[in-house]
Amino acid sequence: MSFSEVLDELKTRIGISKVKVKFWFIEYEFDRTAFLQLPQIYSTIEILLRKLFIDRQIMWMDLTKEVPEYCLKSLEDMAELLDEKIESMSGKLSRDDSPVVVFLHEWRTACISSFKSLRRKRDEAEEHNTMTFGMDERIYPHEYISEVIKEFRLNTYPIVRAFIDMLEENNQTQKEALRIWYQGRKILEEEEKDKVVPQWKIAT
């Protein structure tokens, strides 16, 4: 089911109490009230998508030609921004009940994990290059940056798509974010592309 179909079901069937959202790595269950409140915060979701996705090149650009320090700084800045957004929204929305707050926490976890992974791979590559200086065994940044960014998008694109799904169709931010989402998804293998599409369903 699509998000809009689930929302329509909630509006017309009073007996439904729970909704499930399945990412490839985890499944969440939320109360109907939390979902029915989402249309009331469309403007907030638009801001989140713009600040955390559309305006963040690391989320969708081809970064294989970038230096590790740029990517590390981008991931660090994003984690800090997510902290700010989580703190500001936690006073308005429950941590356990709101899909928005839960998904932001998941996004932040992915940022921190990718930051640590990229920093470790950079340090290992620099040590390797020092040890093999003058030999034809150099490890270039694009070799490990692409690996980390691919994993990062695999873990965050289901979240981004969930936020995109929450907005009304033909909303300008929704259309722009969806176009960029497809662009950034190209880094994934063909068999991985469907994995980053969240599955919405009524809990039974």
N, C-alpha and C. Protein backbone atom coordinates (compact mmCIF):
# COMPACT_ATOMS: atom_id res chain seq x y z
N MET A 1 0.84 -1.20 0.00
CA MET A 1 0.00 0.00 0.00
C MET A 1 0.88 1.25 0.00
N SER A 2 0.36 2.31 -0.57
CA SER A 2 1.06 3.59 -0.51
C SER A 2 0.69 4.30 0.78
N PHE A 3 1.44 5.34 1.10
CA PHE A 3 1.15 6.10 2.31
C PHE A 3 -0.25 6.71 2.23
N SER A 4 -0.60 7.29 1.09
CA SER A 4 -1.91 7.93 0.93
C SER A 4 -3.04 6.91 1.08
N GLU A 5 -2.83 5.69 0.59
CA GLU A 5 -3.85 4.65 0.74
C GLU A 5 -4.04 4.26 2.20
N VAL A 6 -2.92 4.18 2.93
CA VAL A 6 -3.00 3.87 4.36
C VAL A 6 -3.74 4.98 5.10
N LEU A 7 -3.43 6.23 4.75
CA LEU A 7 -4.07 7.37 5.40
C LEU A 7 -5.57 7.37 5.12
N ASP A 8 -5.96 7.05 3.89
CA ASP A 8 -7.38 6.97 3.54
C ASP A 8 -8.08 5.87 4.33
N GLU A 9 -7.41 4.74 4.49
CA GLU A 9 -7.98 3.64 5.25
C GLU A 9 -8.20 4.05 6.71
N LEU A 10 -7.26 4.77 7.28
CA LEU A 10 -7.38 5.22 8.66
C LEU A 10 -8.56 6.17 8.84
N LYS A 11 -8.78 7.00 7.82
CA LYS A 11 -9.86 7.98 7.90
C LYS A 11 -11.25 7.34 7.78
N THR A 12 -11.31 6.23 7.09
CA THR A 12 -12.62 5.62 6.81
C THR A 12 -12.91 4.39 7.68
N ARG A 13 -11.88 3.80 8.26
CA ARG A 13 -12.08 2.59 9.08
C ARG A 13 -11.63 2.86 10.51
N ILE A 14 -12.60 3.10 11.36
CA ILE A 14 -12.31 3.45 12.76
C ILE A 14 -11.63 2.31 13.51
N GLY A 15 -11.88 1.08 13.10
CA GLY A 15 -11.35 -0.07 13.82
C GLY A 15 -9.85 -0.27 13.69
N ILE A 16 -9.22 0.41 12.77
CA ILE A 16 -7.76 0.26 12.59
C ILE A 16 -7.03 1.03 13.68
N SER A 17 -6.16 0.36 14.42
CA SER A 17 -5.47 1.02 15.53
C SER A 17 -3.98 1.20 15.30
N LYS A 18 -3.40 0.42 14.38
CA LYS A 18 -1.95 0.47 14.18
C LYS A 18 -1.60 0.51 12.68
N VAL A 19 -0.46 1.13 12.41
CA VAL A 19 0.09 1.17 11.05
C VAL A 19 1.54 0.73 11.13
N LYS A 20 1.98 -0.06 10.14
CA LYS A 20 3.36 -0.51 10.09
C LYS A 20 4.11 0.13 8.92
N VAL A 21 5.36 0.45 9.16
CA VAL A 21 6.25 0.94 8.11
C VAL A 21 7.46 0.02 8.11
N LYS A 22 7.71 -0.62 6.97
CA LYS A 22 8.82 -1.56 6.89
C LYS A 22 9.93 -1.02 6.00
N PHE A 23 11.12 -0.84 6.61
CA PHE A 23 12.33 -0.57 5.85
C PHE A 23 13.02 -1.92 5.67
N TRP A 24 14.01 -1.98 4.80
CA TRP A 24 14.64 -3.28 4.55
C TRP A 24 15.37 -3.80 5.79
N PHE A 25 15.71 -2.92 6.72
CA PHE A 25 16.50 -3.32 7.89
C PHE A 25 15.72 -3.31 9.20
N ILE A 26 14.48 -2.78 9.19
CA ILE A 26 13.70 -2.72 10.43
C ILE A 26 12.24 -2.44 10.09
N GLU A 27 11.35 -2.82 11.01
CA GLU A 27 9.92 -2.53 10.84
C GLU A 27 9.42 -1.79 12.07
N TYR A 28 8.67 -0.71 11.85
CA TYR A 28 8.12 0.09 12.93
C TYR A 28 6.60 -0.04 12.94
N GLU A 29 6.03 0.11 14.13
CA GLU A 29 4.58 0.11 14.27
C GLU A 29 4.16 1.36 15.04
N PHE A 30 3.18 2.08 14.52
CA PHE A 30 2.73 3.33 15.13
C PHE A 30 1.22 3.32 15.33
N ASP A 31 0.77 4.11 16.32
CA ASP A 31 -0.66 4.26 16.57
C ASP A 31 -1.31 5.06 15.44
N ARG A 32 -2.58 4.82 15.21
CA ARG A 32 -3.31 5.53 14.16
C ARG A 32 -3.30 7.04 14.40
N THR A 33 -3.35 7.45 15.68
CA THR A 33 -3.38 8.88 15.99
C THR A 33 -2.16 9.59 15.46
N ALA A 34 -0.99 8.96 15.60
CA ALA A 34 0.26 9.57 15.12
C ALA A 34 0.21 9.79 13.62
N PHE A 35 -0.37 8.85 12.89
CA PHE A 35 -0.44 8.98 11.43
C PHE A 35 -1.48 10.02 11.00
N LEU A 36 -2.59 10.05 11.70
CA LEU A 36 -3.62 11.01 11.35
C LEU A 36 -3.20 12.45 11.62
N GLN A 37 -2.19 12.61 12.46
CA GLN A 37 -1.69 13.95 12.77
C GLN A 37 -0.66 14.45 11.75
N LEU A 38 -0.15 13.57 10.92
CA LEU A 38 0.91 13.94 9.98
C LEU A 38 0.51 15.07 9.01
N PRO A 39 -0.71 15.05 8.46
CA PRO A 39 -1.07 16.16 7.56
C PRO A 39 -0.99 17.54 8.22
N GLN A 40 -1.07 17.56 9.55
CA GLN A 40 -1.01 18.83 10.27
C GLN A 40 0.41 19.40 10.31
N ILE A 41 1.39 18.58 10.02
CA ILE A 41 2.78 19.06 10.07
C ILE A 41 3.47 18.92 8.71
N TYR A 42 2.70 19.03 7.63
CA TYR A 42 3.28 18.96 6.29
C TYR A 42 4.38 20.00 6.11
N SER A 43 4.17 21.21 6.61
CA SER A 43 5.17 22.27 6.44
C SER A 43 6.47 21.91 7.14
N THR A 44 6.38 21.25 8.29
CA THR A 44 7.57 20.81 9.01
C THR A 44 8.32 19.75 8.22
N ILE A 45 7.58 18.81 7.64
CA ILE A 45 8.19 17.75 6.84
C ILE A 45 8.86 18.34 5.60
N GLU A 46 8.25 19.35 5.00
CA GLU A 46 8.86 20.02 3.86
C GLU A 46 10.20 20.64 4.24
N ILE A 47 10.25 21.30 5.38
CA ILE A 47 11.49 21.93 5.85
C ILE A 47 12.56 20.88 6.11
N LEU A 48 12.17 19.77 6.72
CA LEU A 48 13.12 18.68 6.99
C LEU A 48 13.72 18.14 5.69
N LEU A 49 12.88 17.92 4.70
CA LEU A 49 13.36 17.40 3.42
C LEU A 49 14.32 18.37 2.74
N ARG A 50 14.00 19.64 2.83
CA ARG A 50 14.86 20.63 2.18
C ARG A 50 16.19 20.77 2.90
N LYS A 51 16.15 20.89 4.21
CA LYS A 51 17.36 21.14 5.00
C LYS A 51 18.26 19.90 5.09
N LEU A 52 17.64 18.73 5.15
CA LEU A 52 18.40 17.50 5.39
C LEU A 52 18.65 16.67 4.13
N PHE A 53 17.96 16.99 3.05
CA PHE A 53 18.13 16.19 1.84
C PHE A 53 18.44 17.03 0.61
N ILE A 54 17.52 17.88 0.21
CA ILE A 54 17.70 18.65 -1.02
C ILE A 54 18.94 19.55 -0.95
N ASP A 55 19.15 20.19 0.20
CA ASP A 55 20.28 21.11 0.35
C ASP A 55 21.59 20.43 0.74
N ARG A 56 21.55 19.10 0.90
CA ARG A 56 22.74 18.36 1.34
C ARG A 56 23.28 17.50 0.20
N GLN A 57 24.35 17.97 -0.44
CA GLN A 57 24.87 17.28 -1.62
C GLN A 57 25.33 15.86 -1.34
N ILE A 58 25.78 15.62 -0.11
CA ILE A 58 26.26 14.27 0.21
C ILE A 58 25.13 13.25 0.14
N MET A 59 23.89 13.72 0.19
CA MET A 59 22.75 12.82 0.15
C MET A 59 22.43 12.34 -1.26
N TRP A 60 22.89 13.05 -2.28
CA TRP A 60 22.46 12.65 -3.63
C TRP A 60 23.49 12.84 -4.75
N MET A 61 24.55 13.65 -4.52
CA MET A 61 25.53 13.86 -5.58
C MET A 61 26.52 12.71 -5.70
N ASP A 62 27.18 12.64 -6.85
CA ASP A 62 28.27 11.70 -7.06
C ASP A 62 29.50 12.29 -6.37
N LEU A 63 29.90 11.68 -5.25
CA LEU A 63 30.98 12.24 -4.45
C LEU A 63 32.30 11.48 -4.60
N THR A 64 32.39 10.62 -5.60
CA THR A 64 33.59 9.80 -5.73
C THR A 64 34.84 10.63 -6.03
N LYS A 65 34.65 11.87 -6.52
CA LYS A 65 35.81 12.72 -6.82
C LYS A 65 36.14 13.67 -5.67
N GLU A 66 35.37 13.60 -4.58
CA GLU A 66 35.59 14.49 -3.45
C GLU A 66 36.68 13.94 -2.52
N VAL A 67 37.22 14.83 -1.71
CA VAL A 67 38.22 14.42 -0.73
C VAL A 67 37.51 13.92 0.52
N PRO A 68 38.11 12.99 1.26
CA PRO A 68 37.45 12.43 2.46
C PRO A 68 37.05 13.49 3.48
N GLU A 69 37.88 14.52 3.63
CA GLU A 69 37.61 15.54 4.64
C GLU A 69 36.30 16.26 4.36
N TYR A 70 35.98 16.48 3.08
CA TYR A 70 34.72 17.14 2.73
C TYR A 70 33.55 16.25 3.13
N CYS A 71 33.63 14.98 2.83
CA CYS A 71 32.55 14.06 3.16
C CYS A 71 32.40 13.92 4.67
N LEU A 72 33.52 13.85 5.39
CA LEU A 72 33.46 13.75 6.84
C LEU A 72 32.80 14.98 7.45
N LYS A 73 33.17 16.15 6.95
CA LYS A 73 32.57 17.39 7.46
C LYS A 73 31.08 17.42 7.15
N SER A 74 30.68 16.97 5.99
CA SER A 74 29.27 16.95 5.61
C SER A 74 28.46 16.03 6.53
N LEU A 75 29.00 14.86 6.80
CA LEU A 75 28.32 13.91 7.69
C LEU A 75 28.24 14.45 9.11
N GLU A 76 29.31 15.08 9.57
CA GLU A 76 29.33 15.66 10.91
C GLU A 76 28.31 16.79 11.03
N ASP A 77 28.28 17.66 10.03
CA ASP A 77 27.33 18.78 10.04
C ASP A 77 25.89 18.28 10.02
N MET A 78 25.65 17.23 9.24
CA MET A 78 24.29 16.70 9.15
C MET A 78 23.86 16.10 10.48
N ALA A 79 24.75 15.38 11.14
CA ALA A 79 24.43 14.79 12.44
C ALA A 79 24.09 15.88 13.46
N GLU A 80 24.83 16.99 13.42
CA GLU A 80 24.56 18.10 14.33
C GLU A 80 23.21 18.74 14.03
N LEU A 81 22.89 18.89 12.74
CA LEU A 81 21.61 19.46 12.36
C LEU A 81 20.47 18.54 12.77
N LEU A 82 20.67 17.24 12.63
CA LEU A 82 19.66 16.28 13.05
C LEU A 82 19.44 16.35 14.55
N ASP A 83 20.52 16.53 15.31
CA ASP A 83 20.40 16.71 16.76
C ASP A 83 19.50 17.90 17.08
N GLU A 84 19.72 19.00 16.36
CA GLU A 84 18.93 20.21 16.58
C GLU A 84 17.46 19.97 16.26
N LYS A 85 17.21 19.31 15.12
CA LYS A 85 15.84 19.06 14.70
C LYS A 85 15.13 18.11 15.67
N ILE A 86 15.84 17.09 16.12
CA ILE A 86 15.26 16.13 17.06
C ILE A 86 14.91 16.82 18.37
N GLU A 87 15.82 17.66 18.85
CA GLU A 87 15.58 18.37 20.12
C GLU A 87 14.39 19.32 20.00
N SER A 88 14.31 20.04 18.89
CA SER A 88 13.22 21.01 18.72
C SER A 88 11.87 20.32 18.55
N MET A 89 11.87 19.14 17.92
CA MET A 89 10.61 18.45 17.67
C MET A 89 10.18 17.55 18.81
N SER A 90 11.13 17.13 19.63
CA SER A 90 10.81 16.22 20.73
C SER A 90 9.88 16.88 21.75
N GLY A 91 9.94 18.21 21.83
CA GLY A 91 9.05 18.90 22.75
C GLY A 91 7.62 18.96 22.25
N LYS A 92 7.45 18.75 20.94
CA LYS A 92 6.12 18.83 20.33
C LYS A 92 5.55 17.45 20.02
N LEU A 93 6.44 16.52 19.67
CA LEU A 93 6.00 15.19 19.27
C LEU A 93 6.68 14.14 20.14
N SER A 94 5.97 13.10 20.48
CA SER A 94 6.52 12.04 21.32
C SER A 94 7.59 11.25 20.58
N ARG A 95 8.66 10.92 21.27
CA ARG A 95 9.77 10.14 20.68
C ARG A 95 9.29 8.79 20.20
N ASP A 96 8.43 8.14 20.97
CA ASP A 96 8.02 6.78 20.63
C ASP A 96 6.82 6.74 19.69
N ASP A 97 6.00 7.79 19.72
CA ASP A 97 4.75 7.76 18.97
C ASP A 97 4.86 8.36 17.57
N SER A 98 5.73 9.34 17.39
CA SER A 98 5.77 10.06 16.11
C SER A 98 6.73 9.42 15.12
N PRO A 99 6.23 9.06 13.93
CA PRO A 99 7.13 8.53 12.89
C PRO A 99 8.23 9.52 12.55
N VAL A 100 7.91 10.82 12.57
CA VAL A 100 8.89 11.84 12.20
C VAL A 100 10.10 11.80 13.13
N VAL A 101 9.86 11.81 14.43
CA VAL A 101 10.97 11.82 15.39
C VAL A 101 11.75 10.50 15.35
N VAL A 102 11.03 9.40 15.24
CA VAL A 102 11.69 8.09 15.16
C VAL A 102 12.60 8.01 13.94
N PHE A 103 12.11 8.48 12.80
CA PHE A 103 12.90 8.42 11.57
C PHE A 103 14.11 9.35 11.63
N LEU A 104 13.97 10.49 12.29
CA LEU A 104 15.11 11.40 12.44
C LEU A 104 16.20 10.77 13.29
N HIS A 105 15.82 10.05 14.32
CA HIS A 105 16.80 9.33 15.14
C HIS A 105 17.54 8.28 14.30
N GLU A 106 16.80 7.57 13.47
CA GLU A 106 17.40 6.54 12.61
C GLU A 106 18.38 7.18 11.62
N TRP A 107 18.01 8.33 11.09
CA TRP A 107 18.85 9.06 10.15
C TRP A 107 20.15 9.50 10.84
N ARG A 108 20.03 10.01 12.04
CA ARG A 108 21.20 10.45 12.80
C ARG A 108 22.16 9.28 13.07
N THR A 109 21.60 8.14 13.41
CA THR A 109 22.42 6.95 13.66
C THR A 109 23.22 6.57 12.42
N ALA A 110 22.58 6.65 11.25
CA ALA A 110 23.26 6.34 9.99
C ALA A 110 24.39 7.33 9.72
N CYS A 111 24.16 8.60 10.03
CA CYS A 111 25.20 9.63 9.83
C CYS A 111 26.43 9.32 10.68
N ILE A 112 26.21 9.05 11.94
CA ILE A 112 27.32 8.79 12.87
C ILE A 112 28.07 7.52 12.47
N SER A 113 27.32 6.49 12.12
CA SER A 113 27.94 5.23 11.71
C SER A 113 28.80 5.41 10.46
N SER A 114 28.29 6.15 9.48
CA SER A 114 29.03 6.39 8.23
C SER A 114 30.24 7.28 8.47
N PHE A 115 30.10 8.26 9.35
CA PHE A 115 31.23 9.13 9.70
C PHE A 115 32.38 8.30 10.27
N LYS A 116 32.06 7.42 11.21
CA LYS A 116 33.08 6.58 11.84
C LYS A 116 33.70 5.62 10.82
N SER A 117 32.87 5.06 9.96
CA SER A 117 33.36 4.13 8.95
C SER A 117 34.30 4.83 7.96
N LEU A 118 33.91 6.01 7.51
CA LEU A 118 34.73 6.74 6.55
C LEU A 118 36.05 7.19 7.17
N ARG A 119 36.00 7.66 8.39
CA ARG A 119 37.23 8.09 9.09
C ARG A 119 38.18 6.92 9.27
N ARG A 120 37.65 5.75 9.62
CA ARG A 120 38.49 4.56 9.80
C ARG A 120 39.13 4.14 8.48
N LYS A 121 38.33 4.13 7.40
CA LYS A 121 38.86 3.73 6.10
C LYS A 121 39.90 4.73 5.58
N ARG A 122 39.68 6.01 5.85
CA ARG A 122 40.66 7.03 5.45
C ARG A 122 41.98 6.81 6.18
N ASP A 123 41.91 6.57 7.48
CA ASP A 123 43.12 6.36 8.27
C ASP A 123 43.85 5.09 7.84
N GLU A 124 43.09 4.05 7.56
CA GLU A 124 43.70 2.79 7.10
C GLU A 124 44.37 2.97 5.75
N ALA A 125 43.72 3.73 4.86
CA ALA A 125 44.28 3.97 3.53
C ALA A 125 45.56 4.80 3.62
N GLU A 126 45.56 5.82 4.48
CA GLU A 126 46.75 6.66 4.64
C GLU A 126 47.91 5.85 5.21
N GLU A 127 47.61 4.97 6.15
CA GLU A 127 48.67 4.12 6.72
C GLU A 127 49.20 3.16 5.66
N HIS A 128 48.29 2.58 4.89
CA HIS A 128 48.69 1.66 3.82
C HIS A 128 49.56 2.39 2.79
N ASN A 129 49.16 3.58 2.39
CA ASN A 129 49.90 4.33 1.38
C ASN A 129 51.29 4.74 1.87
N THR A 130 51.39 4.99 3.16
CA THR A 130 52.70 5.33 3.75
C THR A 130 53.61 4.10 3.74
N MET A 131 53.03 2.96 4.08
CA MET A 131 53.80 1.71 4.16
C MET A 131 54.24 1.24 2.77
N THR A 132 53.46 1.55 1.76
CA THR A 132 53.77 1.05 0.41
C THR A 132 54.19 2.19 -0.53
N PHE A 133 54.71 3.24 0.03
CA PHE A 133 55.12 4.40 -0.77
C PHE A 133 56.12 3.97 -1.85
N GLY A 134 55.87 4.41 -3.07
CA GLY A 134 56.76 4.06 -4.18
C GLY A 134 56.37 2.78 -4.88
N MET A 135 55.39 2.09 -4.32
CA MET A 135 54.91 0.84 -4.93
C MET A 135 53.57 1.10 -5.62
N ASP A 136 53.22 0.23 -6.52
CA ASP A 136 51.97 0.40 -7.27
C ASP A 136 50.80 -0.22 -6.51
N GLU A 137 50.62 0.20 -5.25
CA GLU A 137 49.56 -0.37 -4.40
C GLU A 137 48.77 0.73 -3.69
N ARG A 138 48.80 1.91 -4.21
CA ARG A 138 48.15 3.03 -3.56
C ARG A 138 46.62 2.86 -3.54
N ILE A 139 46.02 3.20 -2.40
CA ILE A 139 44.56 3.22 -2.27
C ILE A 139 44.08 4.66 -2.45
N TYR A 140 43.22 4.87 -3.42
CA TYR A 140 42.74 6.22 -3.70
C TYR A 140 41.42 6.48 -2.96
N PRO A 141 41.20 7.74 -2.58
CA PRO A 141 40.00 8.08 -1.80
C PRO A 141 38.69 7.61 -2.42
N HIS A 142 38.57 7.73 -3.75
CA HIS A 142 37.29 7.37 -4.37
C HIS A 142 36.95 5.90 -4.16
N GLU A 143 37.97 5.08 -3.91
CA GLU A 143 37.75 3.65 -3.74
C GLU A 143 36.96 3.35 -2.48
N TYR A 144 37.24 4.09 -1.40
CA TYR A 144 36.52 3.82 -0.16
C TYR A 144 35.39 4.82 0.10
N ILE A 145 35.46 6.01 -0.48
CA ILE A 145 34.38 6.97 -0.30
C ILE A 145 33.09 6.41 -0.92
N SER A 146 33.19 5.88 -2.13
CA SER A 146 32.00 5.36 -2.81
C SER A 146 31.38 4.21 -2.02
N GLU A 147 32.21 3.39 -1.40
CA GLU A 147 31.70 2.26 -0.61
C GLU A 147 30.90 2.75 0.59
N VAL A 148 31.44 3.75 1.30
CA VAL A 148 30.77 4.27 2.49
C VAL A 148 29.49 5.01 2.13
N ILE A 149 29.55 5.85 1.09
CA ILE A 149 28.38 6.63 0.69
C ILE A 149 27.26 5.72 0.19
N LYS A 150 27.63 4.66 -0.50
CA LYS A 150 26.64 3.70 -0.97
C LYS A 150 25.91 3.07 0.22
N GLU A 151 26.65 2.67 1.23
CA GLU A 151 26.05 2.08 2.42
C GLU A 151 25.19 3.11 3.16
N PHE A 152 25.67 4.35 3.19
CA PHE A 152 24.94 5.43 3.84
C PHE A 152 23.58 5.66 3.17
N ARG A 153 23.57 5.68 1.87
CA ARG A 153 22.31 5.90 1.15
C ARG A 153 21.39 4.68 1.26
N LEU A 154 21.97 3.52 1.31
CA LEU A 154 21.16 2.31 1.48
C LEU A 154 20.39 2.37 2.80
N ASN A 155 21.00 2.98 3.81
CA ASN A 155 20.38 3.06 5.14
C ASN A 155 19.51 4.30 5.34
N THR A 156 19.73 5.34 4.55
CA THR A 156 18.96 6.58 4.75
C THR A 156 17.88 6.81 3.69
N TYR A 157 18.03 6.23 2.52
CA TYR A 157 17.05 6.48 1.47
C TYR A 157 15.65 5.95 1.79
N PRO A 158 15.50 4.86 2.54
CA PRO A 158 14.14 4.48 2.96
C PRO A 158 13.50 5.55 3.84
N ILE A 159 14.31 6.19 4.68
CA ILE A 159 13.81 7.25 5.56
C ILE A 159 13.40 8.47 4.74
N VAL A 160 14.28 8.86 3.83
CA VAL A 160 14.00 10.01 2.97
C VAL A 160 12.73 9.77 2.17
N ARG A 161 12.61 8.58 1.60
CA ARG A 161 11.43 8.26 0.79
C ARG A 161 10.17 8.27 1.65
N ALA A 162 10.29 7.84 2.90
CA ALA A 162 9.13 7.87 3.80
C ALA A 162 8.65 9.30 4.00
N PHE A 163 9.58 10.23 4.18
CA PHE A 163 9.21 11.63 4.33
C PHE A 163 8.58 12.17 3.03
N ILE A 164 9.14 11.77 1.91
CA ILE A 164 8.59 12.19 0.62
C ILE A 164 7.16 11.67 0.46
N ASP A 165 6.95 10.41 0.83
CA ASP A 165 5.61 9.81 0.73
C ASP A 165 4.59 10.53 1.59
N MET A 166 5.05 11.09 2.71
CA MET A 166 4.13 11.75 3.64
C MET A 166 3.52 13.03 3.08
N LEU A 167 4.20 13.66 2.13
CA LEU A 167 3.70 14.91 1.57
C LEU A 167 2.64 14.65 0.50
N GLU A 168 1.82 15.64 0.26
CA GLU A 168 0.78 15.51 -0.75
C GLU A 168 1.42 15.42 -2.14
N GLU A 169 0.82 14.64 -3.01
CA GLU A 169 1.32 14.52 -4.37
C GLU A 169 1.22 15.87 -5.08
N ASN A 170 2.21 16.13 -5.92
CA ASN A 170 2.30 17.38 -6.68
C ASN A 170 2.71 18.58 -5.81
N ASN A 171 3.00 18.32 -4.54
CA ASN A 171 3.62 19.35 -3.72
C ASN A 171 4.99 19.64 -4.31
N GLN A 172 5.39 20.91 -4.43
CA GLN A 172 6.63 21.26 -5.11
C GLN A 172 7.85 20.62 -4.47
N THR A 173 7.91 20.66 -3.13
CA THR A 173 9.04 20.05 -2.42
C THR A 173 9.04 18.54 -2.63
N GLN A 174 7.86 17.95 -2.62
CA GLN A 174 7.75 16.51 -2.83
C GLN A 174 8.28 16.11 -4.20
N LYS A 175 7.92 16.86 -5.22
CA LYS A 175 8.37 16.56 -6.59
C LYS A 175 9.88 16.73 -6.73
N GLU A 176 10.41 17.80 -6.15
CA GLU A 176 11.85 18.05 -6.25
C GLU A 176 12.65 16.99 -5.49
N ALA A 177 12.19 16.67 -4.29
CA ALA A 177 12.88 15.66 -3.47
C ALA A 177 12.84 14.29 -4.13
N LEU A 178 11.71 13.94 -4.74
CA LEU A 178 11.58 12.63 -5.39
C LEU A 178 12.51 12.53 -6.59
N ARG A 179 12.60 13.61 -7.36
CA ARG A 179 13.51 13.63 -8.52
C ARG A 179 14.95 13.42 -8.07
N ILE A 180 15.36 14.12 -7.02
CA ILE A 180 16.72 14.02 -6.51
C ILE A 180 16.96 12.64 -5.88
N TRP A 181 15.93 12.10 -5.23
CA TRP A 181 16.03 10.77 -4.62
C TRP A 181 16.36 9.72 -5.68
N TYR A 182 15.68 9.80 -6.82
CA TYR A 182 15.97 8.87 -7.91
C TYR A 182 17.38 9.08 -8.45
N GLN A 183 17.81 10.32 -8.51
CA GLN A 183 19.16 10.62 -8.98
C GLN A 183 20.21 10.02 -8.05
N GLY A 184 20.04 10.22 -6.76
CA GLY A 184 21.00 9.71 -5.79
C GLY A 184 20.98 8.21 -5.66
N ARG A 185 19.85 7.58 -6.00
CA ARG A 185 19.72 6.13 -5.89
C ARG A 185 20.52 5.39 -6.94
N LYS A 186 20.97 6.10 -7.97
CA LYS A 186 21.71 5.47 -9.05
C LYS A 186 23.01 4.83 -8.59
N ILE A 187 23.53 5.28 -7.44
CA ILE A 187 24.78 4.74 -6.92
C ILE A 187 24.61 3.29 -6.46
N LEU A 188 23.37 2.87 -6.21
CA LEU A 188 23.09 1.54 -5.71
C LEU A 188 23.05 0.51 -6.84
N GLU A 189 23.27 -0.73 -6.47
CA GLU A 189 23.15 -1.82 -7.43
C GLU A 189 21.67 -1.99 -7.79
N GLU A 190 21.40 -2.56 -8.96
CA GLU A 190 20.03 -2.71 -9.41
C GLU A 190 19.16 -3.47 -8.41
N GLU A 191 19.73 -4.52 -7.81
CA GLU A 191 18.95 -5.33 -6.88
C GLU A 191 18.73 -4.63 -5.54
N GLU A 192 19.45 -3.53 -5.31
CA GLU A 192 19.30 -2.78 -4.06
C GLU A 192 18.30 -1.63 -4.17
N LYS A 193 17.99 -1.22 -5.39
CA LYS A 193 17.17 -0.02 -5.57
C LYS A 193 15.76 -0.17 -5.00
N ASP A 194 15.17 -1.35 -5.13
CA ASP A 194 13.83 -1.55 -4.57
C ASP A 194 13.87 -1.65 -3.05
N LYS A 195 15.02 -1.99 -2.49
CA LYS A 195 15.13 -2.12 -1.04
C LYS A 195 14.92 -0.80 -0.31
N VAL A 196 15.21 0.31 -0.99
CA VAL A 196 15.13 1.60 -0.31
C VAL A 196 13.74 2.25 -0.43
N VAL A 197 12.78 1.49 -0.92
CA VAL A 197 11.39 1.97 -0.97
C VAL A 197 10.66 1.41 0.25
N PRO A 198 10.17 2.27 1.15
CA PRO A 198 9.48 1.78 2.35
C PRO A 198 8.15 1.14 2.01
N GLN A 199 7.75 0.18 2.84
CA GLN A 199 6.47 -0.51 2.66
C GLN A 199 5.51 -0.06 3.76
N TRP A 200 4.36 0.48 3.35
CA TRP A 200 3.33 0.93 4.30
C TRP A 200 2.22 -0.11 4.34
N LYS A 201 1.75 -0.41 5.54
CA LYS A 201 0.63 -1.37 5.62
C LYS A 201 -0.13 -1.21 6.93
N ILE A 202 -1.37 -1.64 6.88
CA ILE A 202 -2.22 -1.64 8.07
C ILE A 202 -1.82 -2.83 8.93
N ALA A 203 -1.63 -2.60 10.24
CA ALA A 203 -1.28 -3.69 11.12
C ALA A 203 -2.52 -4.54 11.40
N THR A 204 -2.33 -5.85 11.41
CA THR A 204 -3.44 -6.76 11.66
C THR A 204 -3.16 -7.60 12.88
